[in-house]
Full PDB file with SEQRES, HELIX, SHEET, SSBOND, CRYST1, ORIGX, SCALE, CONECT and MASTER records, all heavy atoms in Angstrom:
SEQRES   1 A   36  LYS LEU ALA ARG GLU PHE LYS PRO GLU ASN ILE ASN VAL          
SEQRES   2 A   36  ALA LEU ASP SER LYS ASN GLY LYS VAL SER THR LYS GLY          
SEQRES   3 A   36  TRP THR GLU GLN SER GLU TYR THR ALA VAL                      
HELIX    1 AA1 LEU A    2  GLU A    5  1                                   4    
HELIX    2 AA2 PRO A    8  ASN A   10  5                                   3    
SHEET    1 AA1 3 ASP A  16  LYS A  18  0                                        
SHEET    2 AA1 3 LYS A  21  THR A  24 -1                                        
SHEET    3 AA1 3 GLU A  29  GLN A  30 -1                                        
CRYST1    1.000    1.000    1.000  90.00  90.00  90.00 P 1           1          
ORIGX1      1.000000  0.000000  0.000000        0.00000                         
ORIGX2      0.000000  1.000000  0.000000        0.00000                         
ORIGX3      0.000000  0.000000  1.000000        0.00000                         
SCALE1      1.000000  0.000000  0.000000        0.00000                         
SCALE2      0.000000  1.000000  0.000000        0.00000                         
SCALE3      0.000000  0.000000  1.000000        0.00000                         
ATOM      1  N   LYS A   1      10.841   8.741   3.498  1.00  0.00           N  
ATOM      2  CA  LYS A   1      11.467   9.941   2.937  1.00  0.00           C  
ATOM      3  C   LYS A   1      10.431  11.038   2.704  1.00  0.00           C  
ATOM      4  O   LYS A   1      10.662  12.218   3.030  1.00  0.00           O  
ATOM      5  CB  LYS A   1      12.172   9.583   1.628  1.00  0.00           C  
ATOM      6  CG  LYS A   1      12.925  10.749   1.002  1.00  0.00           C  
ATOM      7  CD  LYS A   1      13.632  10.322  -0.278  1.00  0.00           C  
ATOM      8  CE  LYS A   1      14.368  11.493  -0.930  1.00  0.00           C  
ATOM      9  NZ  LYS A   1      15.019  11.104  -2.209  1.00  0.00           N  
ATOM     10  N   LEU A   2       9.288  10.670   2.144  1.00  0.00           N  
ATOM     11  CA  LEU A   2       8.237  11.649   1.879  1.00  0.00           C  
ATOM     12  C   LEU A   2       7.642  12.205   3.172  1.00  0.00           C  
ATOM     13  O   LEU A   2       7.359  13.407   3.274  1.00  0.00           O  
ATOM     14  CB  LEU A   2       7.134  11.013   1.028  1.00  0.00           C  
ATOM     15  CG  LEU A   2       7.454  10.835  -0.456  1.00  0.00           C  
ATOM     16  CD1 LEU A   2       6.469   9.894  -1.118  1.00  0.00           C  
ATOM     17  CD2 LEU A   2       7.456  12.196  -1.166  1.00  0.00           C  
ATOM     18  N   ALA A   3       7.459  11.326   4.169  1.00  0.00           N  
ATOM     19  CA  ALA A   3       6.898  11.772   5.446  1.00  0.00           C  
ATOM     20  C   ALA A   3       7.823  12.760   6.144  1.00  0.00           C  
ATOM     21  O   ALA A   3       7.370  13.668   6.850  1.00  0.00           O  
ATOM     22  CB  ALA A   3       6.618  10.575   6.346  1.00  0.00           C  
ATOM     23  N   ARG A   4       9.141  12.594   5.947  1.00  0.00           N  
ATOM     24  CA  ARG A   4      10.110  13.530   6.531  1.00  0.00           C  
ATOM     25  C   ARG A   4      10.134  14.848   5.769  1.00  0.00           C  
ATOM     26  O   ARG A   4      10.189  15.919   6.358  1.00  0.00           O  
ATOM     27  CB  ARG A   4      11.518  12.923   6.526  1.00  0.00           C  
ATOM     28  CG  ARG A   4      11.772  11.887   7.600  1.00  0.00           C  
ATOM     29  CD  ARG A   4      13.282  11.718   7.839  1.00  0.00           C  
ATOM     30  NE  ARG A   4      14.024  11.552   6.597  1.00  0.00           N  
ATOM     31  CZ  ARG A   4      14.351  10.377   6.073  1.00  0.00           C  
ATOM     32  NH1 ARG A   4      13.996   9.248   6.686  1.00  0.00           N  
ATOM     33  NH2 ARG A   4      15.031  10.294   4.944  1.00  0.00           N  
ATOM     34  N   GLU A   5      10.094  14.754   4.455  1.00  0.00           N  
ATOM     35  CA  GLU A   5      10.190  15.953   3.618  1.00  0.00           C  
ATOM     36  C   GLU A   5       8.921  16.802   3.699  1.00  0.00           C  
ATOM     37  O   GLU A   5       8.978  18.030   3.704  1.00  0.00           O  
ATOM     38  CB  GLU A   5      10.440  15.549   2.156  1.00  0.00           C  
ATOM     39  CG  GLU A   5      10.564  16.702   1.196  1.00  0.00           C  
ATOM     40  CD  GLU A   5      11.860  17.479   1.368  1.00  0.00           C  
ATOM     41  OE1 GLU A   5      12.821  16.932   1.956  1.00  0.00           O  
ATOM     42  OE2 GLU A   5      11.910  18.640   0.916  1.00  0.00           O  
ATOM     43  N   PHE A   6       7.778  16.144   3.774  1.00  0.00           N  
ATOM     44  CA  PHE A   6       6.506  16.858   3.860  1.00  0.00           C  
ATOM     45  C   PHE A   6       5.938  16.633   5.271  1.00  0.00           C  
ATOM     46  O   PHE A   6       6.596  16.923   6.242  1.00  0.00           O  
ATOM     47  CB  PHE A   6       5.571  16.388   2.752  1.00  0.00           C  
ATOM     48  CG  PHE A   6       6.090  16.719   1.377  1.00  0.00           C  
ATOM     49  CD1 PHE A   6       6.838  15.797   0.652  1.00  0.00           C  
ATOM     50  CD2 PHE A   6       5.852  17.961   0.813  1.00  0.00           C  
ATOM     51  CE1 PHE A   6       7.346  16.112  -0.605  1.00  0.00           C  
ATOM     52  CE2 PHE A   6       6.349  18.288  -0.448  1.00  0.00           C  
ATOM     53  CZ  PHE A   6       7.099  17.364  -1.145  1.00  0.00           C  
ATOM     54  N   LYS A   7       4.732  16.127   5.383  1.00  0.00           N  
ATOM     55  CA  LYS A   7       4.155  15.797   6.683  1.00  0.00           C  
ATOM     56  C   LYS A   7       3.504  14.420   6.575  1.00  0.00           C  
ATOM     57  O   LYS A   7       3.028  14.042   5.496  1.00  0.00           O  
ATOM     58  CB  LYS A   7       3.100  16.830   7.096  1.00  0.00           C  
ATOM     59  CG  LYS A   7       3.626  18.232   7.287  1.00  0.00           C  
ATOM     60  CD  LYS A   7       2.487  19.174   7.645  1.00  0.00           C  
ATOM     61  CE  LYS A   7       2.988  20.596   7.827  1.00  0.00           C  
ATOM     62  NZ  LYS A   7       1.883  21.543   8.139  1.00  0.00           N  
ATOM     63  N   PRO A   8       3.437  13.666   7.671  1.00  0.00           N  
ATOM     64  CA  PRO A   8       2.784  12.356   7.613  1.00  0.00           C  
ATOM     65  C   PRO A   8       1.368  12.426   7.045  1.00  0.00           C  
ATOM     66  O   PRO A   8       0.960  11.541   6.272  1.00  0.00           O  
ATOM     67  CB  PRO A   8       2.778  11.907   9.072  1.00  0.00           C  
ATOM     68  CG  PRO A   8       3.988  12.556   9.656  1.00  0.00           C  
ATOM     69  CD  PRO A   8       4.062  13.908   8.994  1.00  0.00           C  
ATOM     70  N   GLU A   9       0.628  13.491   7.394  1.00  0.00           N  
ATOM     71  CA  GLU A   9      -0.757  13.587   6.912  1.00  0.00           C  
ATOM     72  C   GLU A   9      -0.850  13.790   5.406  1.00  0.00           C  
ATOM     73  O   GLU A   9      -1.930  13.650   4.817  1.00  0.00           O  
ATOM     74  CB  GLU A   9      -1.524  14.705   7.633  1.00  0.00           C  
ATOM     75  CG  GLU A   9      -0.851  16.047   7.583  1.00  0.00           C  
ATOM     76  CD  GLU A   9      -0.058  16.365   8.840  1.00  0.00           C  
ATOM     77  OE1 GLU A   9       0.577  15.438   9.390  1.00  0.00           O  
ATOM     78  OE2 GLU A   9      -0.080  17.529   9.268  1.00  0.00           O  
ATOM     79  N   ASN A  10       0.276  14.139   4.768  1.00  0.00           N  
ATOM     80  CA  ASN A  10       0.293  14.260   3.307  1.00  0.00           C  
ATOM     81  C   ASN A  10       0.499  12.920   2.606  1.00  0.00           C  
ATOM     82  O   ASN A  10       0.371  12.844   1.373  1.00  0.00           O  
ATOM     83  CB  ASN A  10       1.409  15.201   2.851  1.00  0.00           C  
ATOM     84  CG  ASN A  10       1.252  16.623   3.342  1.00  0.00           C  
ATOM     85  OD1 ASN A  10       2.192  17.206   3.870  1.00  0.00           O  
ATOM     86  ND2 ASN A  10       0.076  17.192   3.193  1.00  0.00           N  
ATOM     87  N   ILE A  11       0.846  11.896   3.383  1.00  0.00           N  
ATOM     88  CA  ILE A  11       1.231  10.610   2.792  1.00  0.00           C  
ATOM     89  C   ILE A  11       0.241   9.519   3.177  1.00  0.00           C  
ATOM     90  O   ILE A  11       0.090   9.168   4.346  1.00  0.00           O  
ATOM     91  CB  ILE A  11       2.649  10.186   3.242  1.00  0.00           C  
ATOM     92  CG1 ILE A  11       3.633  11.357   3.107  1.00  0.00           C  
ATOM     93  CG2 ILE A  11       3.101   8.974   2.452  1.00  0.00           C  
ATOM     94  CD1 ILE A  11       3.710  11.966   1.723  1.00  0.00           C  
ATOM     95  N   ASN A  12      -0.422   8.988   2.173  1.00  0.00           N  
ATOM     96  CA  ASN A  12      -1.363   7.882   2.360  1.00  0.00           C  
ATOM     97  C   ASN A  12      -0.833   6.669   1.601  1.00  0.00           C  
ATOM     98  O   ASN A  12      -0.309   6.808   0.495  1.00  0.00           O  
ATOM     99  CB  ASN A  12      -2.748   8.271   1.830  1.00  0.00           C  
ATOM    100  CG  ASN A  12      -3.757   7.142   1.868  1.00  0.00           C  
ATOM    101  OD1 ASN A  12      -3.711   6.230   1.049  1.00  0.00           O  
ATOM    102  ND2 ASN A  12      -4.684   7.214   2.790  1.00  0.00           N  
ATOM    103  N   VAL A  13      -0.950   5.505   2.201  1.00  0.00           N  
ATOM    104  CA  VAL A  13      -0.568   4.272   1.502  1.00  0.00           C  
ATOM    105  C   VAL A  13      -1.819   3.446   1.248  1.00  0.00           C  
ATOM    106  O   VAL A  13      -2.613   3.185   2.167  1.00  0.00           O  
ATOM    107  CB  VAL A  13       0.452   3.447   2.309  1.00  0.00           C  
ATOM    108  CG1 VAL A  13       0.744   2.125   1.597  1.00  0.00           C  
ATOM    109  CG2 VAL A  13       1.748   4.232   2.484  1.00  0.00           C  
ATOM    110  N   ALA A  14      -2.009   3.054  -0.006  1.00  0.00           N  
ATOM    111  CA  ALA A  14      -3.157   2.237  -0.391  1.00  0.00           C  
ATOM    112  C   ALA A  14      -2.814   0.765  -0.248  1.00  0.00           C  
ATOM    113  O   ALA A  14      -1.824   0.293  -0.817  1.00  0.00           O  
ATOM    114  CB  ALA A  14      -3.568   2.540  -1.825  1.00  0.00           C  
ATOM    115  N   LEU A  15      -3.615   0.073   0.511  1.00  0.00           N  
ATOM    116  CA  LEU A  15      -3.486  -1.378   0.658  1.00  0.00           C  
ATOM    117  C   LEU A  15      -4.739  -2.001   0.056  1.00  0.00           C  
ATOM    118  O   LEU A  15      -5.822  -1.919   0.618  1.00  0.00           O  
ATOM    119  CB  LEU A  15      -3.338  -1.753   2.138  1.00  0.00           C  
ATOM    120  CG  LEU A  15      -2.132  -1.126   2.852  1.00  0.00           C  
ATOM    121  CD1 LEU A  15      -2.122  -1.522   4.316  1.00  0.00           C  
ATOM    122  CD2 LEU A  15      -0.823  -1.544   2.174  1.00  0.00           C  
ATOM    123  N   ASP A  16      -4.565  -2.580  -1.115  1.00  0.00           N  
ATOM    124  CA  ASP A  16      -5.673  -3.150  -1.872  1.00  0.00           C  
ATOM    125  C   ASP A  16      -5.621  -4.661  -1.737  1.00  0.00           C  
ATOM    126  O   ASP A  16      -4.688  -5.299  -2.235  1.00  0.00           O  
ATOM    127  CB  ASP A  16      -5.575  -2.737  -3.340  1.00  0.00           C  
ATOM    128  CG  ASP A  16      -5.456  -1.226  -3.502  1.00  0.00           C  
ATOM    129  OD1 ASP A  16      -6.065  -0.505  -2.694  1.00  0.00           O  
ATOM    130  OD2 ASP A  16      -4.754  -0.771  -4.430  1.00  0.00           O  
ATOM    131  N   SER A  17      -6.602  -5.223  -1.065  1.00  0.00           N  
ATOM    132  CA  SER A  17      -6.528  -6.629  -0.671  1.00  0.00           C  
ATOM    133  C   SER A  17      -7.458  -7.527  -1.490  1.00  0.00           C  
ATOM    134  O   SER A  17      -8.632  -7.215  -1.682  1.00  0.00           O  
ATOM    135  CB  SER A  17      -6.891  -6.750   0.815  1.00  0.00           C  
ATOM    136  OG  SER A  17      -6.841  -8.087   1.232  1.00  0.00           O  
ATOM    137  N   LYS A  18      -6.885  -8.630  -1.956  1.00  0.00           N  
ATOM    138  CA  LYS A  18      -7.658  -9.641  -2.677  1.00  0.00           C  
ATOM    139  C   LYS A  18      -7.310 -11.005  -2.102  1.00  0.00           C  
ATOM    140  O   LYS A  18      -6.138 -11.371  -1.995  1.00  0.00           O  
ATOM    141  CB  LYS A  18      -7.329  -9.596  -4.177  1.00  0.00           C  
ATOM    142  CG  LYS A  18      -8.168 -10.539  -5.019  1.00  0.00           C  
ATOM    143  CD  LYS A  18      -7.876 -10.335  -6.497  1.00  0.00           C  
ATOM    144  CE  LYS A  18      -8.776 -11.222  -7.351  1.00  0.00           C  
ATOM    145  NZ  LYS A  18      -8.530 -11.012  -8.801  1.00  0.00           N  
ATOM    146  N   ASN A  19      -8.321 -11.734  -1.698  1.00  0.00           N  
ATOM    147  CA  ASN A  19      -8.112 -13.043  -1.075  1.00  0.00           C  
ATOM    148  C   ASN A  19      -7.122 -12.968   0.092  1.00  0.00           C  
ATOM    149  O   ASN A  19      -6.300 -13.866   0.299  1.00  0.00           O  
ATOM    150  CB  ASN A  19      -7.612 -14.064  -2.109  1.00  0.00           C  
ATOM    151  CG  ASN A  19      -8.617 -14.295  -3.226  1.00  0.00           C  
ATOM    152  OD1 ASN A  19      -9.824 -14.320  -2.987  1.00  0.00           O  
ATOM    153  ND2 ASN A  19      -8.129 -14.472  -4.439  1.00  0.00           N  
ATOM    154  N   GLY A  20      -7.186 -11.852   0.811  1.00  0.00           N  
ATOM    155  CA  GLY A  20      -6.379 -11.718   2.017  1.00  0.00           C  
ATOM    156  C   GLY A  20      -4.968 -11.199   1.803  1.00  0.00           C  
ATOM    157  O   GLY A  20      -4.226 -11.007   2.769  1.00  0.00           O  
ATOM    158  N   LYS A  21      -4.561 -10.968   0.552  1.00  0.00           N  
ATOM    159  CA  LYS A  21      -3.204 -10.486   0.259  1.00  0.00           C  
ATOM    160  C   LYS A  21      -3.273  -9.160  -0.500  1.00  0.00           C  
ATOM    161  O   LYS A  21      -4.185  -8.928  -1.293  1.00  0.00           O  
ATOM    162  CB  LYS A  21      -2.424 -11.506  -0.570  1.00  0.00           C  
ATOM    163  CG  LYS A  21      -2.294 -12.879   0.088  1.00  0.00           C  
ATOM    164  CD  LYS A  21      -1.392 -12.858   1.310  1.00  0.00           C  
ATOM    165  CE  LYS A  21      -1.190 -14.268   1.866  1.00  0.00           C  
ATOM    166  NZ  LYS A  21      -0.286 -14.290   3.032  1.00  0.00           N  
ATOM    167  N   VAL A  22      -2.267  -8.326  -0.290  1.00  0.00           N  
ATOM    168  CA  VAL A  22      -2.232  -7.012  -0.930  1.00  0.00           C  
ATOM    169  C   VAL A  22      -1.784  -7.128  -2.385  1.00  0.00           C  
ATOM    170  O   VAL A  22      -0.789  -7.789  -2.687  1.00  0.00           O  
ATOM    171  CB  VAL A  22      -1.291  -6.061  -0.161  1.00  0.00           C  
ATOM    172  CG1 VAL A  22      -1.069  -4.764  -0.939  1.00  0.00           C  
ATOM    173  CG2 VAL A  22      -1.868  -5.753   1.219  1.00  0.00           C  
ATOM    174  N   SER A  23      -2.532  -6.471  -3.271  1.00  0.00           N  
ATOM    175  CA  SER A  23      -2.212  -6.464  -4.699  1.00  0.00           C  
ATOM    176  C   SER A  23      -1.565  -5.151  -5.097  1.00  0.00           C  
ATOM    177  O   SER A  23      -1.781  -4.120  -4.455  1.00  0.00           O  
ATOM    178  CB  SER A  23      -3.478  -6.676  -5.533  1.00  0.00           C  
ATOM    179  OG  SER A  23      -4.018  -7.962  -5.326  1.00  0.00           O  
ATOM    180  N   THR A  24      -0.780  -5.172  -6.183  1.00  0.00           N  
ATOM    181  CA  THR A  24      -0.098  -3.976  -6.677  1.00  0.00           C  
ATOM    182  C   THR A  24      -0.258  -3.874  -8.193  1.00  0.00           C  
ATOM    183  O   THR A  24      -0.900  -4.717  -8.828  1.00  0.00           O  
ATOM    184  CB  THR A  24       1.403  -4.014  -6.325  1.00  0.00           C  
ATOM    185  OG1 THR A  24       2.002  -5.171  -6.919  1.00  0.00           O  
ATOM    186  CG2 THR A  24       1.613  -4.040  -4.810  1.00  0.00           C  
ATOM    187  N   LYS A  25       0.344  -2.829  -8.747  1.00  0.00           N  
ATOM    188  CA  LYS A  25       0.334  -2.591 -10.205  1.00  0.00           C  
ATOM    189  C   LYS A  25      -1.083  -2.638 -10.782  1.00  0.00           C  
ATOM    190  O   LYS A  25      -1.377  -3.412 -11.696  1.00  0.00           O  
ATOM    191  CB  LYS A  25       1.258  -3.573 -10.924  1.00  0.00           C  
ATOM    192  CG  LYS A  25       2.723  -3.375 -10.566  1.00  0.00           C  
ATOM    193  CD  LYS A  25       3.657  -4.217 -11.410  1.00  0.00           C  
ATOM    194  CE  LYS A  25       5.119  -3.929 -11.030  1.00  0.00           C  
ATOM    195  NZ  LYS A  25       6.057  -4.755 -11.811  1.00  0.00           N  
ATOM    196  N   GLY A  26      -1.939  -1.781 -10.203  1.00  0.00           N  
ATOM    197  CA  GLY A  26      -3.308  -1.723 -10.684  1.00  0.00           C  
ATOM    198  C   GLY A  26      -4.054  -3.014 -10.456  1.00  0.00           C  
ATOM    199  O   GLY A  26      -4.934  -3.378 -11.234  1.00  0.00           O  
ATOM    200  N   TRP A  27      -3.698  -3.699  -9.371  1.00  0.00           N  
ATOM    201  CA  TRP A  27      -4.345  -4.947  -8.942  1.00  0.00           C  
ATOM    202  C   TRP A  27      -4.053  -6.125  -9.874  1.00  0.00           C  
ATOM    203  O   TRP A  27      -4.756  -7.136  -9.871  1.00  0.00           O  
ATOM    204  CB  TRP A  27      -5.865  -4.774  -8.812  1.00  0.00           C  
ATOM    205  CG  TRP A  27      -6.285  -3.689  -7.874  1.00  0.00           C  
ATOM    206  CD1 TRP A  27      -5.502  -2.977  -7.027  1.00  0.00           C  
ATOM    207  CD2 TRP A  27      -7.614  -3.192  -7.671  1.00  0.00           C  
ATOM    208  NE1 TRP A  27      -6.239  -2.069  -6.313  1.00  0.00           N  
ATOM    209  CE2 TRP A  27      -7.531  -2.171  -6.690  1.00  0.00           C  
ATOM    210  CE3 TRP A  27      -8.853  -3.504  -8.227  1.00  0.00           C  
ATOM    211  CZ2 TRP A  27      -8.647  -1.464  -6.255  1.00  0.00           C  
ATOM    212  CZ3 TRP A  27      -9.966  -2.799  -7.792  1.00  0.00           C  
ATOM    213  CH2 TRP A  27      -9.867  -1.792  -6.819  1.00  0.00           C  
ATOM    214  N   THR A  28      -2.979  -6.001 -10.658  1.00  0.00           N  
ATOM    215  CA  THR A  28      -2.637  -7.076 -11.590  1.00  0.00           C  
ATOM    216  C   THR A  28      -1.641  -8.065 -10.998  1.00  0.00           C  
ATOM    217  O   THR A  28      -1.453  -9.152 -11.536  1.00  0.00           O  
ATOM    218  CB  THR A  28      -2.041  -6.512 -12.898  1.00  0.00           C  
ATOM    219  OG1 THR A  28      -0.848  -5.778 -12.597  1.00  0.00           O  
ATOM    220  CG2 THR A  28      -3.051  -5.583 -13.582  1.00  0.00           C  
ATOM    221  N   GLU A  29      -0.965  -7.682  -9.909  1.00  0.00           N  
ATOM    222  CA  GLU A  29      -0.011  -8.571  -9.264  1.00  0.00           C  
ATOM    223  C   GLU A  29      -0.319  -8.666  -7.771  1.00  0.00           C  
ATOM    224  O   GLU A  29      -0.736  -7.682  -7.157  1.00  0.00           O  
ATOM    225  CB  GLU A  29       1.425  -8.067  -9.466  1.00  0.00           C  
ATOM    226  CG  GLU A  29       1.876  -8.093 -10.911  1.00  0.00           C  
ATOM    227  CD  GLU A  29       3.341  -7.712 -11.077  1.00  0.00           C  
ATOM    228  OE1 GLU A  29       4.059  -7.624 -10.046  1.00  0.00           O  
ATOM    229  OE2 GLU A  29       3.770  -7.504 -12.230  1.00  0.00           O  
ATOM    230  N   GLN A  30      -0.103  -9.848  -7.209  1.00  0.00           N  
ATOM    231  CA  GLN A  30      -0.412 -10.057  -5.801  1.00  0.00           C  
ATOM    232  C   GLN A  30       0.865 -10.276  -4.994  1.00  0.00           C  
ATOM    233  O   GLN A  30       1.757 -11.018  -5.401  1.00  0.00           O  
ATOM    234  CB  GLN A  30      -1.346 -11.258  -5.627  1.00  0.00           C  
ATOM    235  CG  GLN A  30      -1.996 -11.332  -4.247  1.00  0.00           C  
ATOM    236  CD  GLN A  30      -3.196 -12.265  -4.247  1.00  0.00           C  
ATOM    237  OE1 GLN A  30      -3.291 -13.184  -5.054  1.00  0.00           O  
ATOM    238  NE2 GLN A  30      -4.134 -12.038  -3.337  1.00  0.00           N  
ATOM    239  N   SER A  31       0.931  -9.601  -3.841  1.00  0.00           N  
ATOM    240  CA  SER A  31       2.100  -9.762  -2.977  1.00  0.00           C  
ATOM    241  C   SER A  31       1.862 -10.934  -2.021  1.00  0.00           C  
ATOM    242  O   SER A  31       0.812 -11.567  -2.040  1.00  0.00           O  
ATOM    243  CB  SER A  31       2.337  -8.489  -2.167  1.00  0.00           C  
ATOM    244  OG  SER A  31       1.385  -8.381  -1.119  1.00  0.00           O  
ATOM    245  N   GLU A  32       2.833 -11.174  -1.167  1.00  0.00           N  
ATOM    246  CA  GLU A  32       2.697 -12.249  -0.179  1.00  0.00           C  
ATOM    247  C   GLU A  32       2.291 -11.713   1.184  1.00  0.00           C  
ATOM    248  O   GLU A  32       2.217 -12.455   2.155  1.00  0.00           O  
ATOM    249  CB  GLU A  32       4.034 -12.997  -0.049  1.00  0.00           C  
ATOM    250  CG  GLU A  32       5.199 -12.095   0.360  1.00  0.00           C  
ATOM    251  CD  GLU A  32       6.530 -12.831   0.371  1.00  0.00           C  
ATOM    252  OE1 GLU A  32       6.752 -13.607   1.311  1.00  0.00           O  
ATOM    253  OE2 GLU A  32       7.336 -12.608  -0.563  1.00  0.00           O  
ATOM    254  N   TYR A  33       1.994 -10.422   1.257  1.00  0.00           N  
ATOM    255  CA  TYR A  33       1.741  -9.793   2.539  1.00  0.00           C  
ATOM    256  C   TYR A  33       0.259  -9.471   2.752  1.00  0.00           C  
ATOM    257  O   TYR A  33      -0.463  -9.160   1.809  1.00  0.00           O  
ATOM    258  CB  TYR A  33       2.543  -8.484   2.651  1.00  0.00           C  
ATOM    259  CG  TYR A  33       4.012  -8.682   2.474  1.00  0.00           C  
ATOM    260  CD1 TYR A  33       4.639  -8.306   1.275  1.00  0.00           C  
ATOM    261  CD2 TYR A  33       4.802  -9.233   3.473  1.00  0.00           C  
ATOM    262  CE1 TYR A  33       6.002  -8.479   1.098  1.00  0.00           C  
ATOM    263  CE2 TYR A  33       6.167  -9.419   3.302  1.00  0.00           C  
ATOM    264  CZ  TYR A  33       6.756  -9.042   2.111  1.00  0.00           C  
ATOM    265  OH  TYR A  33       8.097  -9.219   1.927  1.00  0.00           O  
ATOM    266  N   THR A  34      -0.148  -9.501   4.014  1.00  0.00           N  
ATOM    267  CA  THR A  34      -1.508  -9.098   4.355  1.00  0.00           C  
ATOM    268  C   THR A  34      -1.550  -7.585   4.572  1.00  0.00           C  
ATOM    269  O   THR A  34      -0.516  -6.938   4.761  1.00  0.00           O  
ATOM    270  CB  THR A  34      -1.992  -9.778   5.644  1.00  0.00           C  
ATOM    271  OG1 THR A  34      -1.222  -9.279   6.754  1.00  0.00           O  
ATOM    272  CG2 THR A  34      -1.839 -11.295   5.551  1.00  0.00           C  
ATOM    273  N   ALA A  35      -2.746  -7.039   4.594  1.00  0.00           N  
ATOM    274  CA  ALA A  35      -2.899  -5.601   4.824  1.00  0.00           C  
ATOM    275  C   ALA A  35      -2.406  -5.215   6.212  1.00  0.00           C  
ATOM    276  O   ALA A  35      -1.800  -4.147   6.386  1.00  0.00           O  
ATOM    277  CB  ALA A  35      -4.360  -5.200   4.642  1.00  0.00           C  
ATOM    278  N   VAL A  36      -2.642  -6.042   7.188  1.00  0.00           N  
ATOM    279  CA  VAL A  36      -2.197  -5.738   8.545  1.00  0.00           C  
ATOM    280  C   VAL A  36      -0.671  -5.703   8.614  1.00  0.00           C  
ATOM    281  O   VAL A  36      -0.077  -4.794   9.220  1.00  0.00           O  
ATOM    282  CB  VAL A  36      -2.762  -6.746   9.561  1.00  0.00           C  
ATOM    283  CG1 VAL A  36      -2.083  -6.601  10.920  1.00  0.00           C  
ATOM    284  CG2 VAL A  36      -4.274  -6.573   9.708  1.00  0.00           C  
TER     285      VAL A  36                                                      
MASTER        0    0    0    2    3    0    0    6  284    1    0    3          
END                                                                             
């Protein structure tokens, strides 16, 4: 939605990886997904 409303170059996604998995909420929770 943001990329459509603005421009792709305005939108960056942070992928913060710990032990091979992406973390969220200020690195306090870990997802099940890899950065790739």
